[in-house]
Amino acid sequence: MWNDLKTDSYEGMIAETVVIPGYNGDPIHAYYSRPLGQGPFPGIVMIPHMPGWDEFTREAARRFTQHGYAVLSPDIYCRIGHGTPTEVSQMARDQGGVPDGSVMGDCEGALSFLKNQANSNGKVGVIGMCSGGRHSFLAACTVEGFDAAVDCWGGSVVAPPESATPARPVAPVEYTENLQCPLLGIFGNEDRNPTADDVDKLEEELKKFGKDYEFHRYEGAGHGIWYYHTPMYRQQQAMDSWEKAFAFFEKNLKP
């Protein structure tokens, strides 16, 4: 849990950019943050949000590493081009968005990479925020092998058929029956995507298929509860939901 560290214990980590095989075997960049020591350590695939493969994503990866996780964040925009996160995310928008198929392939590659590390405990979760939350839910339903999933305010998980695009041909909610692992959802009740009604609809589907899930829905908060570098940040709701995420991964990924 937050700040529950022991002052006499060893702590160390390493974080770096690596290259892994992604969708169709394409070499892609990934940010790899892991604890120093023998382990074994559980893993987390952290899917970037639409603001890009950015500094916040890397900081979040290191925060989970400080709590004992090897975290791999694949650059799902790698094929689109390079530049600052803002520039690359705009390029992605201009090209109609990054295709769901390639993101899921990159998630498969990241999952395989983590599970095959010598100090892995064999358990891997997936987490994402904003569009990454949508992708996290989709990965939990369509990529075999994840042991836990966290959807942080993922927009367009619930979406009408007419909103489909070549990059996003199917709303992730349509795959709910195939959800393969426990799911944690973190949402702000003032969010506009997903709306409170969208979250209700997703919850109905999870109940319908008897899935293992827990949702935490916060008053006085909208989108981006954790984004301390933006006006969206909500300190109380952010720290409570960080605690929920730590506890969820502790329960499902650590023996």
Foldseek 3Di string as FASTA:
>chain_A
DPPPDDPPDDWDKDWDWDWWQFAVRDTFIKIKIATDDLALAAEEEEEEALLFPADVSNVVQNVVRRVGYTYIYTRLLRVQDDDHSNVSSVSQVVVVHRALNRSLRRVLRVLVVQCPDPSHPQAYEYEYFACSLQSQLLNQQPPPRHAETERELYFQLPDDCVVADRRRNDRVLVSLLRRDYEYEYEFEQAEVGVHPVSVVVSVVSCVVNVHHYDYDYHYPAYGDCQPPVDPRHDVVSNVVVVVVVSVRCCVGGPD
